[in-house]
Amino acid sequence: MKKIEKFFKKNNLQPITTLYNVTVNEVKSVEEVDKLHVDMYLGLNPNIF
């Protein structure tokens, strides 16, 4: 999240929704945690130049 916040600040982007996480593939054990794939979605204000 810190990297995302830094990216928004650097590029003058303003989030207008909460962050949504969508799990693409679930893992069944702790050993598979490196295979976890989660997409993150966030709405941005299109009126910022």
N, C-alpha and C. Protein backbone atom coordinates (compact mmCIF):
# COMPACT_ATOMS: atom_id res chain seq x y z
N MET A 1 0.82 -1.19 0.00
CA MET A 1 0.00 0.00 0.00
C MET A 1 0.86 1.26 0.00
N LYS A 2 1.98 1.22 0.69
CA LYS A 2 2.86 2.40 0.73
C LYS A 2 3.37 2.73 -0.66
N LYS A 3 3.70 1.72 -1.46
CA LYS A 3 4.18 1.96 -2.82
C LYS A 3 3.08 2.55 -3.69
N ILE A 4 1.87 2.09 -3.49
CA ILE A 4 0.73 2.61 -4.26
C ILE A 4 0.49 4.08 -3.89
N GLU A 5 0.49 4.38 -2.59
CA GLU A 5 0.30 5.76 -2.14
C GLU A 5 1.39 6.68 -2.69
N LYS A 6 2.62 6.21 -2.69
CA LYS A 6 3.74 7.00 -3.22
C LYS A 6 3.55 7.25 -4.72
N PHE A 7 3.11 6.22 -5.46
CA PHE A 7 2.86 6.35 -6.89
C PHE A 7 1.78 7.39 -7.16
N PHE A 8 0.67 7.36 -6.38
CA PHE A 8 -0.41 8.34 -6.56
C PHE A 8 0.09 9.74 -6.32
N LYS A 9 0.84 9.93 -5.25
CA LYS A 9 1.35 11.26 -4.93
C LYS A 9 2.27 11.77 -6.02
N LYS A 10 3.19 10.91 -6.47
CA LYS A 10 4.16 11.29 -7.50
C LYS A 10 3.46 11.68 -8.80
N ASN A 11 2.36 11.00 -9.14
CA ASN A 11 1.67 11.23 -10.41
C ASN A 11 0.41 12.09 -10.26
N ASN A 12 0.25 12.71 -9.10
CA ASN A 12 -0.88 13.61 -8.84
C ASN A 12 -2.22 12.93 -9.13
N LEU A 13 -2.40 11.72 -8.63
CA LEU A 13 -3.64 10.98 -8.81
C LEU A 13 -4.44 11.00 -7.52
N GLN A 14 -5.76 11.07 -7.65
CA GLN A 14 -6.63 11.12 -6.48
C GLN A 14 -7.60 9.95 -6.49
N PRO A 15 -7.47 9.02 -5.53
CA PRO A 15 -8.42 7.92 -5.45
C PRO A 15 -9.79 8.42 -5.00
N ILE A 16 -10.86 7.86 -5.58
CA ILE A 16 -12.21 8.26 -5.21
C ILE A 16 -13.05 7.09 -4.73
N THR A 17 -12.47 5.90 -4.69
CA THR A 17 -13.17 4.73 -4.15
C THR A 17 -12.22 4.03 -3.17
N THR A 18 -12.76 3.11 -2.45
CA THR A 18 -11.91 2.28 -1.62
C THR A 18 -11.20 1.26 -2.50
N LEU A 19 -10.17 0.67 -1.98
CA LEU A 19 -9.41 -0.34 -2.71
C LEU A 19 -10.17 -1.66 -2.65
N TYR A 20 -10.39 -2.28 -3.81
CA TYR A 20 -11.06 -3.57 -3.88
C TYR A 20 -10.04 -4.64 -4.23
N ASN A 21 -10.03 -5.72 -3.47
CA ASN A 21 -9.17 -6.86 -3.75
C ASN A 21 -10.00 -8.00 -4.29
N VAL A 22 -9.54 -8.60 -5.38
CA VAL A 22 -10.21 -9.75 -5.97
C VAL A 22 -9.20 -10.88 -6.04
N THR A 23 -9.46 -11.95 -5.32
CA THR A 23 -8.56 -13.09 -5.33
C THR A 23 -8.74 -13.87 -6.62
N VAL A 24 -7.68 -13.97 -7.42
CA VAL A 24 -7.73 -14.65 -8.70
C VAL A 24 -7.56 -16.15 -8.49
N ASN A 25 -6.59 -16.53 -7.66
CA ASN A 25 -6.46 -17.94 -7.32
C ASN A 25 -6.14 -18.06 -5.84
N GLU A 26 -6.89 -18.91 -5.17
CA GLU A 26 -6.69 -19.10 -3.75
C GLU A 26 -5.64 -20.17 -3.51
N VAL A 27 -5.00 -20.08 -2.37
CA VAL A 27 -4.03 -21.10 -2.00
C VAL A 27 -4.64 -21.96 -0.90
N LYS A 28 -4.23 -23.20 -0.88
CA LYS A 28 -4.81 -24.13 0.08
C LYS A 28 -3.92 -24.37 1.30
N SER A 29 -2.67 -23.92 1.23
CA SER A 29 -1.76 -24.12 2.35
C SER A 29 -0.76 -22.97 2.43
N VAL A 30 -0.09 -22.87 3.54
CA VAL A 30 0.90 -21.82 3.76
C VAL A 30 2.06 -21.97 2.77
N GLU A 31 2.38 -23.19 2.40
CA GLU A 31 3.48 -23.43 1.46
C GLU A 31 3.20 -22.84 0.08
N GLU A 32 1.95 -22.64 -0.27
CA GLU A 32 1.57 -22.11 -1.58
C GLU A 32 1.38 -20.60 -1.59
N VAL A 33 1.66 -19.93 -0.48
CA VAL A 33 1.36 -18.50 -0.39
C VAL A 33 2.06 -17.68 -1.48
N ASP A 34 3.21 -18.11 -1.97
CA ASP A 34 3.89 -17.39 -3.05
C ASP A 34 3.13 -17.47 -4.37
N LYS A 35 2.19 -18.38 -4.48
CA LYS A 35 1.40 -18.53 -5.70
C LYS A 35 0.09 -17.74 -5.65
N LEU A 36 -0.18 -17.09 -4.53
CA LEU A 36 -1.40 -16.30 -4.38
C LEU A 36 -1.39 -15.16 -5.38
N HIS A 37 -2.52 -14.95 -6.05
CA HIS A 37 -2.65 -13.88 -7.04
C HIS A 37 -3.90 -13.08 -6.68
N VAL A 38 -3.70 -11.81 -6.37
CA VAL A 38 -4.81 -10.92 -6.02
C VAL A 38 -4.74 -9.68 -6.90
N ASP A 39 -5.84 -9.37 -7.58
CA ASP A 39 -5.93 -8.13 -8.36
C ASP A 39 -6.47 -7.04 -7.44
N MET A 40 -5.97 -5.82 -7.63
CA MET A 40 -6.42 -4.68 -6.84
C MET A 40 -7.02 -3.63 -7.76
N TYR A 41 -8.19 -3.13 -7.39
CA TYR A 41 -8.89 -2.13 -8.19
C TYR A 41 -9.15 -0.89 -7.34
N LEU A 42 -8.98 0.28 -7.97
CA LEU A 42 -9.19 1.54 -7.27
C LEU A 42 -9.67 2.57 -8.29
N GLY A 43 -10.78 3.23 -7.99
CA GLY A 43 -11.28 4.28 -8.87
C GLY A 43 -10.51 5.57 -8.66
N LEU A 44 -10.17 6.24 -9.76
CA LEU A 44 -9.42 7.49 -9.69
C LEU A 44 -10.24 8.64 -10.22
N ASN A 45 -9.96 9.83 -9.71
CA ASN A 45 -10.63 11.04 -10.17
C ASN A 45 -10.10 11.40 -11.56
N PRO A 46 -10.96 11.38 -12.58
CA PRO A 46 -10.51 11.68 -13.94
C PRO A 46 -10.31 13.17 -14.20
N ASN A 47 -10.66 14.04 -13.24
CA ASN A 47 -10.60 15.48 -13.47
C ASN A 47 -9.30 16.12 -13.03
N ILE A 48 -8.29 15.32 -12.73
CA ILE A 48 -7.00 15.86 -12.31
C ILE A 48 -6.07 15.90 -13.52
N PHE A 49 -5.44 17.00 -13.75
CA PHE A 49 -4.54 17.13 -14.91
C PHE A 49 -3.13 16.94 -14.44
